[in-house]
C-alpha atoms as a PDB file:
ATOM      1  CA  MET A   1     -12.777   6.522 -17.910  1.00  0.00           C
ATOM      2  CA  SER A   2     -15.530   5.741 -16.175  1.00  0.00           C
ATOM      3  CA  ASN A   3     -14.338   4.057 -13.073  1.00  0.00           C
ATOM      4  CA  SER A   4     -11.635   6.631 -12.660  1.00  0.00           C
ATOM      5  CA  SER A   5     -12.487   7.302  -9.203  1.00  0.00           C
ATOM      6  CA  GLY A   6     -15.335   5.634  -7.495  1.00  0.00           C
ATOM      7  CA  PRO A   7     -15.269   2.741  -5.763  1.00  0.00           C
ATOM      8  CA  LEU A   8     -16.313  -0.201  -7.713  1.00  0.00           C
ATOM      9  CA  ALA A   9     -19.189  -1.428  -5.257  1.00  0.00           C
ATOM     10  CA  GLU A  10     -21.706   0.206  -3.133  1.00  0.00           C
ATOM     11  CA  TYR A  11     -20.372   0.711   0.336  1.00  0.00           C
ATOM     12  CA  GLU A  12     -21.615  -1.287   2.609  1.00  0.00           C
ATOM     13  CA  PRO A  13     -19.919  -1.206   6.292  1.00  0.00           C
ATOM     14  CA  ARG A  14     -21.067  -4.732   6.970  1.00  0.00           C
ATOM     15  CA  ARG A  15     -20.401  -6.571   3.967  1.00  0.00           C
ATOM     16  CA  PHE A  16     -18.172  -9.186   5.920  1.00  0.00           C
ATOM     17  CA  ARG A  17     -19.863  -9.187   8.762  1.00  0.00           C
ATOM     18  CA  SER A  18     -21.425 -12.941   8.647  1.00  0.00           C
ATOM     19  CA  THR A  19     -17.485 -14.244   6.749  1.00  0.00           C
ATOM     20  CA  VAL A  20     -15.909 -13.483  10.276  1.00  0.00           C
ATOM     21  CA  PRO A  21     -15.885 -17.034  11.905  1.00  0.00           C
ATOM     22  CA  TYR A  22     -14.284 -17.983   8.662  1.00  0.00           C
ATOM     23  CA  TYR A  23     -12.165 -15.378   7.514  1.00  0.00           C
ATOM     24  CA  SER A  24      -9.108 -16.367  10.227  1.00  0.00           C
ATOM     25  CA  ARG A  25      -9.836 -19.567   9.724  1.00  0.00           C
ATOM     26  CA  PHE A  26     -10.047 -20.277   6.159  1.00  0.00           C
ATOM     27  CA  ARG A  27      -8.395 -17.388   4.147  1.00  0.00           C
ATOM     28  CA  LEU A  28      -4.369 -17.755   3.311  1.00  0.00           C
ATOM     29  CA  SER A  29      -2.118 -16.010   6.095  1.00  0.00           C
ATOM     30  CA  TYR A  30       0.921 -13.927   4.673  1.00  0.00           C
ATOM     31  CA  PRO A  31       4.416 -15.474   5.252  1.00  0.00           C
ATOM     32  CA  ALA A  32       7.026 -13.826   7.587  1.00  0.00           C
ATOM     33  CA  ALA A  33       9.343 -13.727   4.745  1.00  0.00           C
ATOM     34  CA  LEU A  34       7.003 -11.659   2.991  1.00  0.00           C
ATOM     35  CA  ILE A  35       6.221  -9.217   5.716  1.00  0.00           C
ATOM     36  CA  ALA A  36       9.707  -9.108   6.194  1.00  0.00           C
ATOM     37  CA  ARG A  37      10.433  -8.197   2.706  1.00  0.00           C
ATOM     38  CA  VAL A  38       7.772  -5.838   2.692  1.00  0.00           C
ATOM     39  CA  GLY A  39       8.802  -4.153   5.447  1.00  0.00           C
ATOM     40  CA  ALA A  40      12.497  -4.061   4.389  1.00  0.00           C
ATOM     41  CA  MET A  41      10.955  -2.487   0.691  1.00  0.00           C
ATOM     42  CA  ALA A  42       9.224   0.453   3.278  1.00  0.00           C
ATOM     43  CA  GLY A  43      12.528   1.003   5.278  1.00  0.00           C
ATOM     44  CA  LEU A  44      11.020   0.376   8.192  1.00  0.00           C
ATOM     45  CA  ALA A  45      12.746   0.061  11.636  1.00  0.00           C
ATOM     46  CA  PRO A  46      11.371  -1.359  15.076  1.00  0.00           C
ATOM     47  CA  GLY A  47       8.541   0.947  16.381  1.00  0.00           C
ATOM     48  CA  ASP A  48       8.055   2.755  13.261  1.00  0.00           C
ATOM     49  CA  GLY A  49       3.731   3.114  12.468  1.00  0.00           C
ATOM     50  CA  VAL A  50       1.798   1.054  10.100  1.00  0.00           C
ATOM     51  CA  MET A  51      -1.673   0.803   9.770  1.00  0.00           C
ATOM     52  CA  ASP A  52      -3.393  -1.718   8.671  1.00  0.00           C
ATOM     53  CA  LEU A  53      -6.550  -0.206   6.333  1.00  0.00           C
ATOM     54  CA  GLY A  54      -9.695  -2.814   6.083  1.00  0.00           C
ATOM     55  CA  CYS A  55      -7.575  -5.279   8.666  1.00  0.00           C
ATOM     56  CA  GLY A  56     -10.456  -7.404   9.194  1.00  0.00           C
ATOM     57  CA  PRO A  57      -9.507 -10.365  11.919  1.00  0.00           C
ATOM     58  CA  GLY A  58      -5.539  -8.965  11.725  1.00  0.00           C
ATOM     59  CA  LEU A  59      -4.057 -11.031   9.268  1.00  0.00           C
ATOM     60  CA  LEU A  60      -1.313  -7.935   8.501  1.00  0.00           C
ATOM     61  CA  ALA A  61      -2.203  -6.164  11.503  1.00  0.00           C
ATOM     62  CA  ILE A  62      -0.584  -8.936  14.016  1.00  0.00           C
ATOM     63  CA  PRO A  63       2.431 -10.059  12.060  1.00  0.00           C
ATOM     64  CA  PHE A  64       3.699  -6.994  11.783  1.00  0.00           C
ATOM     65  CA  ALA A  65       3.320  -6.079  15.851  1.00  0.00           C
ATOM     66  CA  GLU A  66       5.007  -8.618  15.630  1.00  0.00           C
ATOM     67  CA  ALA A  67       7.629  -8.030  13.552  1.00  0.00           C
ATOM     68  CA  GLY A  68       8.003  -4.859  16.381  1.00  0.00           C
ATOM     69  CA  MET A  69       6.227  -2.062  14.721  1.00  0.00           C
ATOM     70  CA  ARG A  70       3.356   0.078  16.461  1.00  0.00           C
ATOM     71  CA  VAL A  71       0.288  -0.963  14.480  1.00  0.00           C
ATOM     72  CA  VAL A  72      -3.209   0.567  14.030  1.00  0.00           C
ATOM     73  CA  GLY A  73      -5.769  -1.660  12.877  1.00  0.00           C
ATOM     74  CA  VAL A  74      -8.820   0.173  11.156  1.00  0.00           C
ATOM     75  CA  ASP A  75     -11.880  -1.639  10.021  1.00  0.00           C
ATOM     76  CA  PRO A  76     -15.611  -0.465   9.520  1.00  0.00           C
ATOM     77  CA  GLU A  77     -16.894  -3.796  10.639  1.00  0.00           C
ATOM     78  CA  PRO A  78     -17.255  -4.119  14.588  1.00  0.00           C
ATOM     79  CA  ASP A  79     -17.298  -8.058  14.638  1.00  0.00           C
ATOM     80  CA  MET A  80     -14.031  -7.869  12.382  1.00  0.00           C
ATOM     81  CA  LEU A  81     -12.652  -6.091  14.966  1.00  0.00           C
ATOM     82  CA  ALA A  82     -13.298  -8.458  17.981  1.00  0.00           C
ATOM     83  CA  ALA A  83     -11.904 -11.556  16.122  1.00  0.00           C
ATOM     84  CA  ALA A  84      -8.928  -9.200  15.294  1.00  0.00           C
ATOM     85  CA  ARG A  85      -8.637  -8.044  18.963  1.00  0.00           C
ATOM     86  CA  GLN A  86      -8.716 -11.429  20.107  1.00  0.00           C
ATOM     87  CA  ALA A  87      -6.340 -12.985  17.703  1.00  0.00           C
ATOM     88  CA  ALA A  88      -4.184 -10.073  18.660  1.00  0.00           C
ATOM     89  CA  GLU A  89      -4.417 -10.994  22.407  1.00  0.00           C
ATOM     90  CA  LEU A  90      -4.055 -14.723  21.635  1.00  0.00           C
ATOM     91  CA  ALA A  91      -0.651 -13.438  19.876  1.00  0.00           C
ATOM     92  CA  ARG A  92       0.553 -11.687  22.640  1.00  0.00           C
ATOM     93  CA  VAL A  93       1.095  -8.210  20.564  1.00  0.00           C
ATOM     94  CA  THR A  94      -0.264  -4.552  21.489  1.00  0.00           C
ATOM     95  CA  ILE A  95      -2.498  -3.157  18.252  1.00  0.00           C
ATOM     96  CA  ASP A  96      -4.582  -0.327  18.469  1.00  0.00           C
ATOM     97  CA  PHE A  97      -7.875  -1.100  16.306  1.00  0.00           C
ATOM     98  CA  ARG A  98     -10.454   1.151  15.639  1.00  0.00           C
ATOM     99  CA  GLN A  99     -13.661   1.188  13.846  1.00  0.00           C
ATOM    100  CA  ALA A 100     -13.357   3.274  10.610  1.00  0.00           C
ATOM    101  CA  SER A 101     -13.111   3.073   6.767  1.00  0.00           C
ATOM    102  CA  SER A 102     -11.283   4.730   4.428  1.00  0.00           C
ATOM    103  CA  PHE A 103     -14.217   7.086   3.885  1.00  0.00           C
ATOM    104  CA  ASP A 104     -13.425   8.313   7.300  1.00  0.00           C
ATOM    105  CA  LEU A 105      -9.483   7.352   8.759  1.00  0.00           C
ATOM    106  CA  PRO A 106      -8.999   8.367  12.190  1.00  0.00           C
ATOM    107  CA  THR A 107      -6.517  11.340  12.388  1.00  0.00           C
ATOM    108  CA  ASP A 108      -5.212  10.651  16.248  1.00  0.00           C
ATOM    109  CA  ILE A 109      -2.914   8.169  15.237  1.00  0.00           C
ATOM    110  CA  GLY A 110       0.189   9.140  15.469  1.00  0.00           C
ATOM    111  CA  LEU A 111       3.625   8.926  12.662  1.00  0.00           C
ATOM    112  CA  ILE A 112       2.327   6.433  10.020  1.00  0.00           C
ATOM    113  CA  HIS A 113       5.209   5.013   7.660  1.00  0.00           C
ATOM    114  CA  LEU A 114       3.664   2.390   6.469  1.00  0.00           C
ATOM    115  CA  VAL A 115      -0.112   1.992   4.864  1.00  0.00           C
ATOM    116  CA  THR A 116      -1.234  -1.737   4.542  1.00  0.00           C
ATOM    117  CA  MET A 117      -4.083  -3.210   2.747  1.00  0.00           C
ATOM    118  CA  GLY A 118      -4.815  -7.355   2.321  1.00  0.00           C
ATOM    119  CA  ARG A 119      -7.852  -7.763  -0.372  1.00  0.00           C
ATOM    120  CA  SER A 120      -9.470  -4.388   0.789  1.00  0.00           C
ATOM    121  CA  PHE A 121      -8.261  -1.693  -1.799  1.00  0.00           C
ATOM    122  CA  HIS A 122     -11.079  -2.796  -4.407  1.00  0.00           C
ATOM    123  CA  TRP A 123     -13.776  -1.945  -2.098  1.00  0.00           C
ATOM    124  CA  MET A 124     -11.941   1.560  -2.194  1.00  0.00           C
ATOM    125  CA  ASP A 125     -12.782   4.899  -3.747  1.00  0.00           C
ATOM    126  CA  ARG A 126      -9.518   4.195  -4.960  1.00  0.00           C
ATOM    127  CA  THR A 127      -8.408   7.847  -6.304  1.00  0.00           C
ATOM    128  CA  GLU A 128      -9.937   9.044  -2.896  1.00  0.00           C
ATOM    129  CA  THR A 129      -8.475   6.944  -0.852  1.00  0.00           C
ATOM    130  CA  LEU A 130      -4.544   7.913  -2.190  1.00  0.00           C
ATOM    131  CA  LYS A 131      -5.122  11.531  -2.228  1.00  0.00           C
ATOM    132  CA  ILE A 132      -6.256  10.975   1.826  1.00  0.00           C
ATOM    133  CA  LEU A 133      -3.097   8.733   2.146  1.00  0.00           C
ATOM    134  CA  ASP A 134      -0.788  11.277   0.737  1.00  0.00           C
ATOM    135  CA  ARG A 135      -1.822  13.887   3.204  1.00  0.00           C
ATOM    136  CA  LEU A 136      -1.263  11.071   5.529  1.00  0.00           C
ATOM    137  CA  LEU A 137       2.434   9.673   5.231  1.00  0.00           C
ATOM    138  CA  PRO A 138       5.446  11.767   5.496  1.00  0.00           C
ATOM    139  CA  PRO A 139       7.870  12.052   2.204  1.00  0.00           C
ATOM    140  CA  ASP A 140       9.566   8.491   2.669  1.00  0.00           C
ATOM    141  CA  GLY A 141       6.122   6.985   3.200  1.00  0.00           C
ATOM    142  CA  ALA A 142       4.960   3.800   1.736  1.00  0.00           C
ATOM    143  CA  ILE A 143       1.895   2.015   0.739  1.00  0.00           C
ATOM    144  CA  ALA A 144       1.627  -1.709   0.442  1.00  0.00           C
ATOM    145  CA  LEU A 145      -1.512  -3.848  -1.319  1.00  0.00           C
ATOM    146  CA  PHE A 146      -1.288  -7.600  -0.247  1.00  0.00           C
ATOM    147  CA  GLU A 147      -3.194 -10.030  -2.267  1.00  0.00           C
ATOM    148  CA  ASP A 148      -2.718 -13.692  -3.053  1.00  0.00           C
ATOM    149  CA  ASP A 149      -3.461 -15.498  -6.770  1.00  0.00           C
ATOM    150  CA  HIS A 150      -3.625 -18.580  -8.007  1.00  0.00           C
ATOM    151  CA  PRO A 151      -1.623 -20.065 -10.632  1.00  0.00           C
ATOM    152  CA  ARG A 152      -3.753 -22.167 -13.151  1.00  0.00           C
ATOM    153  CA  THR A 153      -2.163 -25.904 -12.257  1.00  0.00           C
ATOM    154  CA  ALA A 154      -3.563 -29.219 -11.922  1.00  0.00           C
ATOM    155  CA  GLU A 155      -3.381 -29.027  -7.972  1.00  0.00           C
ATOM    156  CA  ASN A 156      -6.048 -26.101  -8.128  1.00  0.00           C
ATOM    157  CA  ARG A 157      -8.750 -27.925  -9.628  1.00  0.00           C
ATOM    158  CA  TRP A 158     -10.481 -27.258  -6.632  1.00  0.00           C
ATOM    159  CA  LEU A 159     -10.837 -23.528  -7.278  1.00  0.00           C
ATOM    160  CA  THR A 160     -12.136 -24.442 -10.369  1.00  0.00           C
ATOM    161  CA  VAL A 161     -14.831 -26.247  -8.556  1.00  0.00           C
ATOM    162  CA  LEU A 162     -15.825 -23.962  -6.368  1.00  0.00           C
ATOM    163  CA  GLY A 163     -16.230 -21.193  -9.121  1.00  0.00           C
ATOM    164  CA  GLU A 164     -18.651 -23.483 -11.020  1.00  0.00           C
ATOM    165  CA  VAL A 165     -20.998 -23.965  -8.248  1.00  0.00           C
ATOM    166  CA  GLY A 166     -20.313 -20.238  -6.192  1.00  0.00           C
ATOM    167  CA  GLN A 167     -21.504 -18.960  -9.837  1.00  0.00           C
ATOM    168  CA  ARG A 168     -24.872 -20.897  -9.485  1.00  0.00           C
ATOM    169  CA  TYR A 169     -25.374 -19.906  -5.947  1.00  0.00           C
ATOM    170  CA  GLY A 170     -24.057 -15.930  -5.945  1.00  0.00           C
ATOM    171  CA  SER A 171     -26.794 -13.342  -6.068  1.00  0.00           C
ATOM    172  CA  GLN A 172     -24.316 -11.698  -7.999  1.00  0.00           C
ATOM    173  CA  GLU A 173     -20.860 -11.389  -9.153  1.00  0.00           C
ATOM    174  CA  ALA A 174     -18.527  -9.646  -6.855  1.00  0.00           C
ATOM    175  CA  ALA A 175     -18.460  -6.351  -8.343  1.00  0.00           C
ATOM    176  CA  HIS A 176     -14.620  -6.121  -8.062  1.00  0.00           C
ATOM    177  CA  ARG A 177     -14.807  -9.267 -10.027  1.00  0.00           C
ATOM    178  CA  ALA A 178     -17.386  -8.012 -13.019  1.00  0.00           C
ATOM    179  CA  ALA A 179     -15.536  -4.913 -13.149  1.00  0.00           C
ATOM    180  CA  ARG A 180     -12.515  -6.628 -14.655  1.00  0.00           C
ATOM    181  CA  GLN A 181     -14.314  -7.956 -17.488  1.00  0.00           C
ATOM    182  CA  ARG A 182     -15.105  -4.050 -18.291  1.00  0.00           C
ATOM    183  CA  THR A 183     -12.849  -2.305 -21.132  1.00  0.00           C
ATOM    184  CA  ASP A 184     -12.997   0.555 -19.122  1.00  0.00           C
ATOM    185  CA  TYR A 185     -11.445  -1.449 -16.236  1.00  0.00           C
ATOM    186  CA  ARG A 186      -8.336  -0.079 -14.606  1.00  0.00           C
ATOM    187  CA  SER A 187      -6.317  -2.124 -12.193  1.00  0.00           C
ATOM    188  CA  HIS A 188      -4.927  -0.807  -8.569  1.00  0.00           C
ATOM    189  CA  VAL A 189      -0.971  -0.168 -10.062  1.00  0.00           C
ATOM    190  CA  SER A 190      -3.272   2.134 -12.939  1.00  0.00           C
ATOM    191  CA  PHE A 191      -4.536   3.749 -10.170  1.00  0.00           C
ATOM    192  CA  LEU A 192      -1.027   4.167  -8.165  1.00  0.00           C
ATOM    193  CA  PHE A 193       0.441   5.694 -10.873  1.00  0.00           C
ATOM    194  CA  ASP A 194      -2.233   8.338 -11.434  1.00  0.00           C
ATOM    195  CA  SER A 195      -0.932   9.332  -7.679  1.00  0.00           C
ATOM    196  CA  PRO A 196       1.937  10.578  -6.075  1.00  0.00           C
ATOM    197  CA  PHE A 197       2.781   6.613  -5.161  1.00  0.00           C
ATOM    198  CA  SER A 198       4.542   5.961  -8.626  1.00  0.00           C
ATOM    199  CA  HIS A 199       7.434   4.434  -7.298  1.00  0.00           C
ATOM    200  CA  ILE A 200       5.932   0.700  -7.889  1.00  0.00           C
ATOM    201  CA  GLU A 201       7.490  -2.330  -7.130  1.00  0.00           C
ATOM    202  CA  ARG A 202       6.310  -6.258  -6.330  1.00  0.00           C
ATOM    203  CA  VAL A 203       7.272  -9.078  -4.234  1.00  0.00           C
ATOM    204  CA  GLY A 204       6.107 -12.347  -3.882  1.00  0.00           C
ATOM    205  CA  VAL A 205       6.603 -15.688  -1.839  1.00  0.00           C
ATOM    206  CA  PHE A 206       4.716 -19.124  -3.274  1.00  0.00           C
ATOM    207  CA  ILE A 207       3.790 -21.262  -1.128  1.00  0.00           C
ATOM    208  CA  ARG A 208       2.415 -25.234  -1.546  1.00  0.00           C
ATOM    209  CA  HIS A 209       0.176 -26.647   1.305  1.00  0.00           C
ATOM    210  CA  ALA A 210      -2.718 -29.852   1.763  1.00  0.00           C
ATOM    211  CA  ILE A 211      -5.922 -28.856   2.349  1.00  0.00           C
ATOM    212  CA  THR A 212      -9.361 -30.537   2.954  1.00  0.00           C
ATOM    213  CA  THR A 213     -12.516 -30.234   1.771  1.00  0.00           C
ATOM    214  CA  ASP A 214     -13.792 -28.555   4.876  1.00  0.00           C
ATOM    215  CA  ASP A 215     -11.130 -25.586   4.415  1.00  0.00           C
ATOM    216  CA  ILE A 216     -12.564 -25.214   0.613  1.00  0.00           C
ATOM    217  CA  VAL A 217     -16.278 -24.815   2.341  1.00  0.00           C
ATOM    218  CA  GLY A 218     -14.704 -22.510   4.492  1.00  0.00           C
ATOM    219  CA  ARG A 219     -13.302 -20.673   2.310  1.00  0.00           C
ATOM    220  CA  ALA A 220     -16.526 -20.038   0.625  1.00  0.00           C
ATOM    221  CA  PHE A 221     -17.787 -18.789   3.234  1.00  0.00           C
ATOM    222  CA  SER A 222     -15.439 -16.186   3.940  1.00  0.00           C
ATOM    223  CA  LEU A 223     -16.067 -14.271   0.607  1.00  0.00           C
ATOM    224  CA  SER A 224     -18.468 -12.034   0.551  1.00  0.00           C
ATOM    225  CA  MET A 225     -20.447 -13.342  -2.494  1.00  0.00           C
ATOM    226  CA  LEU A 226     -20.828 -16.420  -0.706  1.00  0.00           C
ATOM    227  CA  SER A 227     -21.639 -15.304   2.587  1.00  0.00           C
ATOM    228  CA  LYS A 228     -24.472 -17.099   4.818  1.00  0.00           C
ATOM    229  CA  GLU A 229     -25.462 -13.604   4.847  1.00  0.00           C
ATOM    230  CA  LYS A 230     -26.196 -13.532   1.253  1.00  0.00           C
ATOM    231  CA  LEU A 231     -27.196 -17.004   0.270  1.00  0.00           C
ATOM    232  CA  GLY A 232     -29.748 -16.898   3.507  1.00  0.00           C
ATOM    233  CA  GLU A 233     -31.776 -20.216   2.591  1.00  0.00           C
ATOM    234  CA  ARG A 234     -29.797 -21.333   0.300  1.00  0.00           C
ATOM    235  CA  ALA A 235     -26.723 -21.901   1.974  1.00  0.00           C
ATOM    236  CA  ALA A 236     -26.935 -25.235   2.865  1.00  0.00           C
ATOM    237  CA  ASP A 237     -27.879 -26.024  -0.774  1.00  0.00           C
ATOM    238  CA  PHE A 238     -24.624 -24.800  -1.637  1.00  0.00           C
ATOM    239  CA  GLU A 239     -22.634 -26.582   0.830  1.00  0.00           C
ATOM    240  CA  ARG A 240     -23.930 -30.006  -0.134  1.00  0.00           C
ATOM    241  CA  ASP A 241     -23.359 -28.925  -3.932  1.00  0.00           C
ATOM    242  CA  LEU A 242     -19.940 -28.341  -3.566  1.00  0.00           C
ATOM    243  CA  ARG A 243     -18.712 -30.820  -1.464  1.00  0.00           C
ATOM    244  CA  ALA A 244     -20.204 -33.077  -3.277  1.00  0.00           C
ATOM    245  CA  ALA A 245     -18.700 -31.916  -6.418  1.00  0.00           C
ATOM    246  CA  LEU A 246     -15.074 -31.864  -4.888  1.00  0.00           C
ATOM    247  CA  THR A 247     -15.876 -35.435  -3.949  1.00  0.00           C
ATOM    248  CA  GLU A 248     -16.366 -35.792  -7.858  1.00  0.00           C
ATOM    249  CA  LEU A 249     -13.053 -34.766  -7.820  1.00  0.00           C
ATOM    250  CA  SER A 250     -10.864 -36.604  -4.725  1.00  0.00           C
ATOM    251  CA  PRO A 251     -13.293 -39.114  -3.004  1.00  0.00           C
ATOM    252  CA  GLU A 252     -10.873 -38.679   0.124  1.00  0.00           C
ATOM    253  CA  GLY A 253     -11.748 -35.217   0.218  1.00  0.00           C
ATOM    254  CA  ARG A 254      -8.005 -34.106   0.286  1.00  0.00           C
ATOM    255  CA  PHE A 255      -6.245 -31.520  -2.320  1.00  0.00           C
ATOM    256  CA  THR A 256      -2.936 -29.555  -2.877  1.00  0.00           C
ATOM    257  CA  GLU A 257      -3.386 -25.701  -2.479  1.00  0.00           C
ATOM    258  CA  ILE A 258      -0.524 -23.699  -4.567  1.00  0.00           C
ATOM    259  CA  ALA A 259      -0.857 -20.089  -4.321  1.00  0.00           C
ATOM    260  CA  GLU A 260       0.980 -16.221  -3.940  1.00  0.00           C
ATOM    261  CA  LEU A 261       1.237 -14.554  -1.595  1.00  0.00           C
ATOM    262  CA  ALA A 262       2.368 -10.931  -2.849  1.00  0.00           C
ATOM    263  CA  ALA A 263       2.235  -7.454  -2.267  1.00  0.00           C
ATOM    264  CA  VAL A 264       2.669  -4.168  -4.398  1.00  0.00           C
ATOM    265  CA  VAL A 265       4.308  -1.557  -2.669  1.00  0.00           C
ATOM    266  CA  ALA A 266       4.251   1.922  -3.763  1.00  0.00           C
ATOM    267  CA  LYS A 267       6.733   4.711  -3.068  1.00  0.00           C
ATOM    268  CA  ARG A 268       6.708   8.432  -3.864  1.00  0.00           C
ATOM    269  CA  ASN A 269       9.153   9.217  -6.708  1.00  0.00           C
END
């Protein structure tokens, strides 16, 4: 298959640079119940090593540290790491943050029992990354791929509006989204089945909460394809058009979001 080993997009280590102020504030966080269930599935005990690969501002690294794990956060974006360090300080947890990526993982990080990735695996060379993790993890080690999904429901109509406006302004559709439309597209699970980590389970938690127009605009600017860096001079026009479209949907600027925060946990058979 033509996309069986390569990354789904050209490697851009600073792809999320301009999204940093929006990412930690407006992206969905992972519920403590989900973190606990993944830890149990991976057989973690307090003090076990967790590496959060593509850690961003610490949305996974911090809750695993709060759960008592020894956490290493890895990300190629220095501004993301700065935000993660600040968030970890506020949370009063100790995390070893490293500037690196799946292409150059640090080797002096001690024994790692679980590798987590939150919305980041699609940016990697998935076949090669799994080979590297096979060498890194002990026989009982595990991988957890975290994601969020929005079911098709009336409450999430705002997401359709965001997609429609974003499609008009996005310089190009995100590579990993475009790849899903191809006939040779392979899911993360497909790659896991072709790796040593072929014992695969999924766990999820549904949430429902209130959001505002400002939250949706912030969420948009947290996306690489709609970042202010990508939009450039069109950023103000995009925000104006998005706010206008959302006002048509809810003049008072109040919305409901229903989402599933989930993880695919993969271990060796």
